[in-house]
Amino acid sequence: MNQKRVHTPEGVRDIYGLECKKRLRLKDKLNHVFALYGYENIITPTFEFFDIFNSEKGTVSSKEMYKFFDREGNTLVLRPDITPSVARCVAKYYDSEERNLRFAYTGNVFLNNSSYQLKLKETCQMGAELINDPSSHGDGEIIAMALDCCLNAGLKDFRLTIGQVEYFQGLVECIEDEDVKEQLRELIINKNFFGLIEFVESLDIPQAVKDVFIQFNELNGDVDILDKADALVSNETSKRAIRKLRKVYRMLQVYGLEQYISFDLGMLSRHNYYTGVIFKAYTYGTGDAVLKGGRYDNLIEQFGKKAPSIGFAIVLDSLMMAMERQKIEMEADSTDMLIIYEEAAMEAAIPAATGYRKKGKAVILEKKDRNLEDYIAMASDQSIGCVLYYETGDSVRDLTKGQ
């Protein structure tokens, strides 16, 4: 047999067996949280026109996208991010809707990462988007739901860190050169604070602004850090960002979730469409955030509808990796019953299996062609609760009880 192409391409993998069962159950748990908050499911295409994700929309760089062409020569991409797809959908189908819209989604995204990064190129995201709500109340709702997702998944030792894009925007208002702003942003995103200090010292900007950038690496911690961040700035944009963070924190106190919150005024995202509050959830057992989100008030407008919005995405692969390494038990659906039958007992076994299925029980039905010990071992491996053996029409043995 030719074995040359039985493996998968770099960056993708098969999910099967117990891991697949655990993943499906975890998805059910997270979807249940979305439903409890009134979020309706939305499904968008796996591939779209390149323009949906181009640099003007503020998504990932072109070189990180999987691109191909249709018969008409249009450039298509496998979606690297689901939020722009939801934004396009909202602008198309809800263009005149002014009430708050709540959507939840599940889907795979595709990023053509460099091989040295050792990251999956296809990952599953589950997320939620709150559309048409510009308020801190909307920020609070989304962050509270994100925290509930972490808790319902089974995480106990985790932290959700909140930043505010406007704090940085206020600091760079004195800089006219867009390239300089982008270089500052890149240094901060990459956490290259030594490089940041060196670069800032070379700029012709007010010393007070330099002092803030020099301390950027220290502007993280519990809610008290907001006082320090506020005292360091005088521009209204940055101060407004702090006021918004205080409102969000107050809401999370009302939700009773403030113990999971920290702040980081030095947090920025590679997604340029974020305009206000941004946040990430971290736990040990994975090197990246298990959940990412933020406010994007201008993205949907680029598709034709003005609609301030906020949302988040759970990186399911990272979440499951963390839970596995933390030895958090993940539930998995199991088969209720295995029915084995001899040829002579077929007319009794098949109706019995059908009857159990009508009662909602999952049943594996197999004609006996191995030793009974093999079936008992199979039931143990697959966590099957009951094994029935039909020898004849009126002879049934429960092998799980040794009968």
Protein backbone atom coordinates (compact mmCIF):
# COMPACT_ATOMS: atom_id res chain seq x y z
CA MET A 1 0.00 0.00 0.00
CA ASN A 2 1.21 3.54 -0.81
CA GLN A 3 1.70 5.36 2.51
CA LYS A 4 3.15 8.57 1.09
CA ARG A 5 0.06 10.76 1.55
CA VAL A 6 -1.57 9.42 4.69
CA HIS A 7 -0.25 12.29 6.83
CA THR A 8 -1.74 15.79 7.07
CA PRO A 9 -0.15 19.04 5.84
CA GLU A 10 1.89 21.07 8.29
CA GLY A 11 -0.21 23.02 10.77
CA VAL A 12 -3.39 20.92 10.67
CA ARG A 13 -4.39 17.75 12.47
CA ASP A 14 -7.09 15.13 12.86
CA ILE A 15 -9.34 15.19 15.92
CA TYR A 16 -10.90 11.84 16.78
CA GLY A 17 -11.85 9.44 19.54
CA LEU A 18 -12.11 10.69 23.10
CA GLU A 19 -10.64 14.12 22.27
CA CYS A 20 -13.36 14.66 19.67
CA LYS A 21 -16.05 13.69 22.18
CA LYS A 22 -14.61 16.08 24.77
CA ARG A 23 -14.46 18.88 22.22
CA LEU A 24 -18.09 18.42 21.25
CA ARG A 25 -19.20 18.45 24.88
CA LEU A 26 -17.14 21.59 25.57
CA LYS A 27 -18.76 23.29 22.58
CA ASP A 28 -22.16 22.42 24.01
CA LYS A 29 -21.22 24.00 27.34
CA LEU A 30 -20.02 27.21 25.72
CA ASN A 31 -23.04 27.42 23.42
CA HIS A 32 -25.23 27.04 26.49
CA VAL A 33 -23.60 30.13 28.02
CA PHE A 34 -24.22 32.10 24.81
CA ALA A 35 -27.87 31.02 24.86
CA LEU A 36 -28.27 32.04 28.51
CA TYR A 37 -27.27 35.59 27.54
CA GLY A 38 -29.69 35.62 24.58
CA TYR A 39 -27.14 35.27 21.76
CA GLU A 40 -28.40 33.65 18.55
CA ASN A 41 -26.22 31.44 16.36
CA ILE A 42 -24.89 32.76 13.07
CA ILE A 43 -22.96 30.79 10.43
CA THR A 44 -20.79 32.56 7.86
CA PRO A 45 -18.87 31.06 4.90
CA THR A 46 -15.51 29.38 5.40
CA PHE A 47 -14.08 31.40 2.50
CA GLU A 48 -14.92 34.92 1.36
CA PHE A 49 -13.68 37.65 -0.96
CA PHE A 50 -10.24 38.96 -0.04
CA ASP A 51 -11.65 42.49 0.44
CA ILE A 52 -13.52 41.35 3.56
CA PHE A 53 -10.19 40.87 5.33
CA ASN A 54 -7.83 43.31 3.59
CA SER A 55 -5.50 45.64 5.47
CA GLU A 56 -7.98 48.52 5.40
CA LYS A 57 -10.32 46.41 7.53
CA GLY A 58 -7.56 45.99 10.11
CA THR A 59 -7.32 42.20 10.11
CA VAL A 60 -4.21 40.04 9.63
CA SER A 61 -1.57 40.73 7.01
CA SER A 62 -2.08 39.44 3.47
CA LYS A 63 0.88 37.04 3.67
CA GLU A 64 -0.78 35.21 6.59
CA MET A 65 -3.92 34.43 4.57
CA TYR A 66 -4.60 31.37 2.43
CA LYS A 67 -5.58 32.89 -0.94
CA PHE A 68 -6.96 31.31 -4.08
CA PHE A 69 -9.08 32.27 -7.10
CA ASP A 70 -12.55 31.48 -8.39
CA ARG A 71 -13.43 30.94 -12.05
CA GLU A 72 -13.96 34.67 -12.60
CA GLY A 73 -10.52 35.50 -11.26
CA ASN A 74 -11.72 36.97 -7.96
CA THR A 75 -9.29 36.57 -5.05
CA LEU A 76 -10.79 34.49 -2.25
CA VAL A 77 -9.38 33.65 1.18
CA LEU A 78 -10.01 31.08 3.85
CA ARG A 79 -11.23 33.24 6.71
CA PRO A 80 -8.44 34.22 9.13
CA ASP A 81 -10.94 35.84 11.49
CA ILE A 82 -14.72 35.50 11.89
CA THR A 83 -15.56 38.98 13.21
CA PRO A 84 -15.24 40.72 9.78
CA SER A 85 -17.52 38.05 8.31
CA VAL A 86 -20.16 38.78 10.95
CA ALA A 87 -19.69 42.52 10.31
CA ARG A 88 -20.32 42.00 6.59
CA CYS A 89 -23.38 39.90 7.33
CA VAL A 90 -24.83 42.51 9.72
CA ALA A 91 -24.31 45.32 7.21
CA LYS A 92 -26.05 43.27 4.51
CA TYR A 93 -29.04 41.85 6.37
CA TYR A 94 -29.55 44.25 9.29
CA ASP A 95 -28.69 47.56 7.61
CA SER A 96 -31.71 49.41 9.05
CA GLU A 97 -31.82 47.61 12.42
CA GLU A 98 -31.15 49.90 15.39
CA ARG A 99 -31.90 47.56 18.30
CA ASN A 100 -29.09 45.62 19.92
CA LEU A 101 -28.18 42.45 18.02
CA ARG A 102 -26.57 39.46 19.72
CA PHE A 103 -24.83 36.76 17.68
CA ALA A 104 -22.75 33.71 18.60
CA TYR A 105 -20.67 31.59 16.24
CA THR A 106 -18.50 28.51 15.96
CA GLY A 107 -16.08 27.97 13.10
CA ASN A 108 -12.55 27.22 11.99
CA VAL A 109 -10.12 29.98 11.04
CA PHE A 110 -6.97 29.68 8.96
CA LEU A 111 -3.67 31.49 9.44
CA ASN A 112 -0.61 30.74 7.34
CA ASN A 113 1.86 31.08 10.20
CA SER A 114 5.57 30.55 9.68
CA SER A 115 6.58 26.97 10.42
CA TYR A 116 9.03 28.04 13.12
CA GLN A 117 6.16 29.39 15.22
CA LEU A 118 4.96 25.81 15.81
CA LYS A 119 1.32 26.95 15.84
CA LEU A 120 -1.67 25.28 14.28
CA LYS A 121 -2.71 26.87 11.01
CA GLU A 122 -6.31 25.74 11.39
CA THR A 123 -7.98 26.38 14.73
CA CYS A 124 -11.54 26.44 16.01
CA GLN A 125 -13.01 29.65 17.40
CA MET A 126 -16.22 30.15 19.34
CA GLY A 127 -17.29 33.71 19.89
CA ALA A 128 -19.98 36.29 20.41
CA GLU A 129 -20.70 39.76 19.04
CA LEU A 130 -22.91 42.48 20.54
CA ILE A 131 -23.94 44.88 17.76
CA ASN A 132 -25.34 48.45 18.00
CA ASP A 133 -24.41 48.96 21.67
CA PRO A 134 -21.82 51.77 22.18
CA SER A 135 -21.98 51.78 25.98
CA SER A 136 -19.87 50.54 28.85
CA HIS A 137 -22.87 48.39 29.74
CA GLY A 138 -22.27 46.49 26.53
CA ASP A 139 -18.58 46.16 27.42
CA GLY A 140 -19.55 44.79 30.81
CA GLU A 141 -22.02 42.27 29.39
CA ILE A 142 -19.56 40.85 26.87
CA ILE A 143 -16.73 40.58 29.41
CA ALA A 144 -19.06 38.99 31.98
CA MET A 145 -20.15 36.42 29.40
CA ALA A 146 -16.51 35.74 28.47
CA LEU A 147 -15.75 35.08 32.14
CA ASP A 148 -18.78 32.81 32.45
CA CYS A 149 -17.50 30.84 29.45
CA CYS A 150 -14.16 30.29 31.20
CA LEU A 151 -15.87 29.24 34.42
CA ASN A 152 -18.36 26.92 32.72
CA ALA A 153 -15.55 25.28 30.77
CA GLY A 154 -14.00 24.34 34.13
CA LEU A 155 -11.17 26.85 34.51
CA LYS A 156 -10.45 27.99 38.05
CA ASP A 157 -6.97 29.51 37.90
CA PHE A 158 -7.22 32.16 35.18
CA ARG A 159 -7.14 35.91 34.70
CA LEU A 160 -8.89 38.20 32.24
CA THR A 161 -6.77 41.27 31.53
CA ILE A 162 -8.42 44.43 30.17
CA GLY A 163 -6.76 47.24 28.23
CA GLN A 164 -8.01 50.33 26.37
CA VAL A 165 -6.83 51.27 22.87
CA GLU A 166 -7.76 54.93 23.41
CA TYR A 167 -5.15 55.28 26.13
CA PHE A 168 -2.43 54.70 23.52
CA GLN A 169 -4.26 56.82 20.93
CA GLY A 170 -4.29 59.76 23.31
CA LEU A 171 -0.54 59.50 23.83
CA VAL A 172 0.26 59.56 20.09
CA GLU A 173 -2.00 62.51 19.27
CA CYS A 174 1.11 64.71 19.38
CA ILE A 175 2.76 62.61 16.64
CA GLU A 176 1.90 63.42 13.02
CA ASP A 177 4.00 60.74 11.32
CA GLU A 178 1.82 57.61 10.89
CA ASP A 179 4.91 55.45 10.39
CA VAL A 180 6.20 56.50 13.82
CA LYS A 181 2.85 55.65 15.39
CA GLU A 182 2.89 52.23 13.75
CA GLN A 183 6.45 51.55 14.91
CA LEU A 184 5.48 52.45 18.48
CA ARG A 185 2.50 50.15 18.20
CA GLU A 186 4.58 47.25 16.89
CA LEU A 187 7.13 47.61 19.70
CA ILE A 188 4.33 47.53 22.27
CA ILE A 189 2.53 44.56 20.69
CA ASN A 190 5.81 42.63 20.63
CA LYS A 191 6.47 43.57 24.26
CA ASN A 192 9.83 44.97 23.19
CA PHE A 193 9.97 47.55 25.96
CA PHE A 194 13.73 48.04 25.80
CA GLY A 195 13.35 48.86 22.12
CA LEU A 196 10.38 51.08 22.95
CA ILE A 197 12.38 53.15 25.44
CA GLU A 198 15.27 53.54 23.01
CA PHE A 199 12.94 54.56 20.17
CA VAL A 200 10.92 57.00 22.30
CA GLU A 201 14.06 58.74 23.51
CA SER A 202 14.93 59.50 19.87
CA LEU A 203 11.58 61.20 19.17
CA ASP A 204 10.84 64.90 19.31
CA ILE A 205 7.77 64.67 21.55
CA PRO A 206 6.90 66.14 24.98
CA GLN A 207 8.89 64.68 27.86
CA ALA A 208 5.66 63.90 29.72
CA VAL A 209 4.60 61.59 26.88
CA LYS A 210 8.04 59.96 26.80
CA ASP A 211 7.75 59.30 30.54
CA VAL A 212 4.50 57.39 30.02
CA PHE A 213 5.97 55.19 27.29
CA ILE A 214 9.04 54.53 29.43
CA GLN A 215 6.70 53.19 32.15
CA PHE A 216 4.42 51.29 29.77
CA ASN A 217 5.66 47.92 30.96
CA GLU A 218 4.61 48.81 34.51
CA LEU A 219 1.05 49.91 33.77
CA ASN A 220 -0.52 46.57 34.61
CA GLY A 221 -2.03 45.10 37.75
CA ASP A 222 -5.25 45.25 39.73
CA VAL A 223 -7.76 48.12 39.63
CA ASP A 224 -5.41 50.45 41.56
CA ILE A 225 -3.18 50.69 38.47
CA LEU A 226 -5.87 52.88 36.89
CA ASP A 227 -5.02 55.65 39.35
CA LYS A 228 -1.37 55.60 38.31
CA ALA A 229 -2.23 55.46 34.58
CA ASP A 230 -4.64 58.38 35.01
CA ALA A 231 -2.10 60.52 36.88
CA LEU A 232 0.51 60.05 34.13
CA VAL A 233 -1.57 61.64 31.34
CA SER A 234 -3.19 65.01 30.71
CA ASN A 235 -4.84 64.49 27.31
CA GLU A 236 -8.59 63.97 27.29
CA THR A 237 -8.55 60.86 25.08
CA SER A 238 -6.39 58.86 27.49
CA LYS A 239 -8.31 60.12 30.53
CA ARG A 240 -11.60 59.15 28.88
CA ALA A 241 -10.18 55.66 28.36
CA ILE A 242 -9.53 55.37 32.10
CA ARG A 243 -13.05 56.55 32.93
CA LYS A 244 -14.50 53.87 30.65
CA LEU A 245 -12.39 51.18 32.32
CA ARG A 246 -13.66 52.29 35.74
CA LYS A 247 -17.25 51.95 34.51
CA VAL A 248 -16.57 48.45 33.18
CA TYR A 249 -14.95 47.43 36.44
CA ARG A 250 -17.95 48.72 38.39
CA MET A 251 -20.25 46.60 36.22
CA LEU A 252 -18.12 43.52 36.77
CA GLN A 253 -18.32 44.14 40.50
CA VAL A 254 -22.11 44.07 40.19
CA TYR A 255 -21.82 40.79 38.27
CA GLY A 256 -19.63 39.50 41.13
CA LEU A 257 -16.73 38.71 38.80
CA GLU A 258 -14.15 41.33 39.71
CA GLN A 259 -11.82 38.77 41.32
CA TYR A 260 -10.87 37.49 37.86
CA ILE A 261 -9.97 40.91 36.47
CA SER A 262 -6.67 42.74 35.99
CA PHE A 263 -5.72 45.72 33.82
CA ASP A 264 -2.95 46.38 31.32
CA LEU A 265 -2.77 49.86 29.75
CA GLY A 266 0.08 48.61 27.58
CA MET A 267 -2.14 46.07 25.82
CA LEU A 268 -2.65 46.49 22.09
CA SER A 269 -3.82 44.08 19.37
CA ARG A 270 -2.65 43.20 15.88
CA HIS A 271 -6.24 43.65 14.78
CA ASN A 272 -6.36 47.35 13.90
CA TYR A 273 -10.15 47.45 13.98
CA TYR A 274 -10.27 47.60 17.79
CA THR A 275 -11.24 51.08 19.00
CA GLY A 276 -11.78 50.90 22.77
CA VAL A 277 -11.80 48.22 25.44
CA ILE A 278 -9.72 45.13 24.56
CA PHE A 279 -9.19 42.04 26.69
CA LYS A 280 -7.50 38.66 26.84
CA ALA A 281 -7.95 35.69 29.17
CA TYR A 282 -4.86 33.77 30.28
CA THR A 283 -4.36 30.57 32.21
CA TYR A 284 -1.36 28.29 32.69
CA GLY A 285 -0.72 25.36 30.38
CA THR A 286 -0.65 27.33 27.14
CA GLY A 287 1.63 30.10 25.92
CA ASP A 288 -1.12 32.20 24.38
CA ALA A 289 -4.43 33.70 25.44
CA VAL A 290 -7.37 31.28 25.45
CA LEU A 291 -9.80 34.12 24.78
CA LYS A 292 -9.44 37.48 23.00
CA GLY A 293 -11.84 40.31 22.33
CA GLY A 294 -12.57 43.99 22.22
CA ARG A 295 -14.65 46.91 20.99
CA TYR A 296 -14.72 47.68 17.27
CA ASP A 297 -16.95 50.70 16.66
CA ASN A 298 -15.88 51.42 13.06
CA LEU A 299 -15.53 48.00 11.43
CA ILE A 300 -19.14 47.43 10.34
CA GLU A 301 -19.29 50.98 8.96
CA GLN A 302 -16.67 49.95 6.40
CA PHE A 303 -19.29 47.55 5.02
CA GLY A 304 -21.98 50.25 4.88
CA LYS A 305 -23.67 50.36 8.31
CA LYS A 306 -22.70 52.49 11.30
CA ALA A 307 -22.90 50.10 14.23
CA PRO A 308 -20.67 50.29 17.33
CA SER A 309 -19.94 46.76 18.51
CA ILE A 310 -17.93 44.56 20.85
CA GLY A 311 -17.17 40.85 20.89
CA PHE A 312 -14.72 38.07 21.73
CA ALA A 313 -13.46 34.75 20.44
CA ILE A 314 -12.46 31.66 22.40
CA VAL A 315 -9.55 29.72 20.90
CA LEU A 316 -10.91 26.24 21.52
CA ASP A 317 -7.63 24.45 20.80
CA SER A 318 -5.72 26.57 23.33
CA LEU A 319 -8.47 26.21 25.92
CA MET A 320 -8.48 22.42 25.65
CA MET A 321 -4.68 22.27 25.80
CA ALA A 322 -4.70 24.31 29.01
CA MET A 323 -7.44 22.18 30.56
CA GLU A 324 -5.58 18.99 29.67
CA ARG A 325 -2.35 20.22 31.23
CA GLN A 326 -4.17 21.44 34.33
CA LYS A 327 -5.79 17.99 34.61
CA ILE A 328 -9.27 19.51 34.52
CA GLU A 329 -11.71 16.72 33.82
CA MET A 330 -13.48 17.24 30.52
CA GLU A 331 -16.78 15.48 30.05
CA ALA A 332 -17.41 13.39 26.94
CA ASP A 333 -20.59 11.87 25.57
CA SER A 334 -20.58 8.10 25.93
CA THR A 335 -22.60 5.26 24.45
CA ASP A 336 -25.19 3.90 26.87
CA MET A 337 -25.24 0.33 25.71
CA LEU A 338 -23.53 -2.33 23.59
CA ILE A 339 -25.76 -5.15 22.35
CA ILE A 340 -24.07 -8.27 20.94
CA TYR A 341 -26.19 -10.96 19.33
CA GLU A 342 -25.88 -14.39 17.85
CA GLU A 343 -27.45 -15.07 14.42
CA ALA A 344 -30.27 -16.98 16.12
CA ALA A 345 -31.11 -13.98 18.33
CA MET A 346 -31.23 -11.32 15.59
CA GLU A 347 -35.03 -10.98 15.67
CA ALA A 348 -34.90 -10.24 19.40
CA ALA A 349 -31.74 -8.07 19.49
CA ILE A 350 -32.59 -5.59 16.71
CA PRO A 351 -36.06 -4.69 18.09
CA ALA A 352 -34.50 -4.38 21.56
CA ALA A 353 -31.89 -1.91 20.25
CA THR A 354 -34.59 0.05 18.41
CA GLY A 355 -36.67 0.24 21.57
CA TYR A 356 -33.78 1.56 23.64
CA ARG A 357 -32.98 4.18 20.98
CA LYS A 358 -36.58 5.40 21.00
CA LYS A 359 -36.13 5.97 24.72
CA GLY A 360 -33.13 8.20 23.98
CA LYS A 361 -30.37 5.73 24.74
CA ALA A 362 -27.33 5.43 22.48
CA VAL A 363 -26.85 1.81 21.43
CA ILE A 364 -24.09 0.05 19.48
CA LEU A 365 -25.44 -3.14 17.88
CA GLU A 366 -23.00 -5.82 16.71
CA LYS A 367 -23.35 -9.39 15.51
CA LYS A 368 -20.96 -11.53 17.51
CA ASP A 369 -17.78 -12.42 15.62
CA ARG A 370 -15.20 -12.19 18.43
CA ASN A 371 -14.69 -13.41 21.97
CA LEU A 372 -16.95 -11.84 24.59
CA GLU A 373 -13.83 -10.61 26.42
CA ASP A 374 -13.03 -8.41 23.40
CA TYR A 375 -16.43 -6.76 23.61
CA ILE A 376 -16.08 -6.19 27.34
CA ALA A 377 -12.69 -4.56 26.74
CA MET A 378 -14.23 -2.41 23.99
CA ALA A 379 -16.96 -1.27 26.38
CA SER A 380 -14.35 -0.34 28.97
CA ASP A 381 -12.24 1.62 26.47
CA GLN A 382 -15.24 3.56 25.17
CA SER A 383 -16.95 4.05 28.57
CA ILE A 384 -20.01 2.09 27.51
CA GLY A 385 -22.24 1.64 30.51
CA CYS A 386 -23.96 -1.66 29.73
CA VAL A 387 -23.18 -4.76 27.61
CA LEU A 388 -26.03 -7.11 26.74
CA TYR A 389 -25.46 -10.46 25.04
CA TYR A 390 -28.37 -12.01 23.11
CA GLU A 391 -27.59 -15.72 22.68
CA THR A 392 -31.10 -16.78 21.67
CA GLY A 393 -34.42 -15.03 21.47
CA ASP A 394 -35.23 -15.69 25.12
CA SER A 395 -31.69 -15.73 26.54
CA VAL A 396 -30.11 -12.34 27.38
CA ARG A 397 -27.00 -11.88 29.56
CA ASP A 398 -25.81 -8.63 31.11
CA LEU A 399 -22.05 -8.97 30.75
CA THR A 400 -21.38 -5.85 32.84
CA LYS A 401 -22.78 -7.70 35.82
CA GLY A 402 -21.10 -11.00 35.01
CA GLN A 403 -24.43 -12.68 34.30
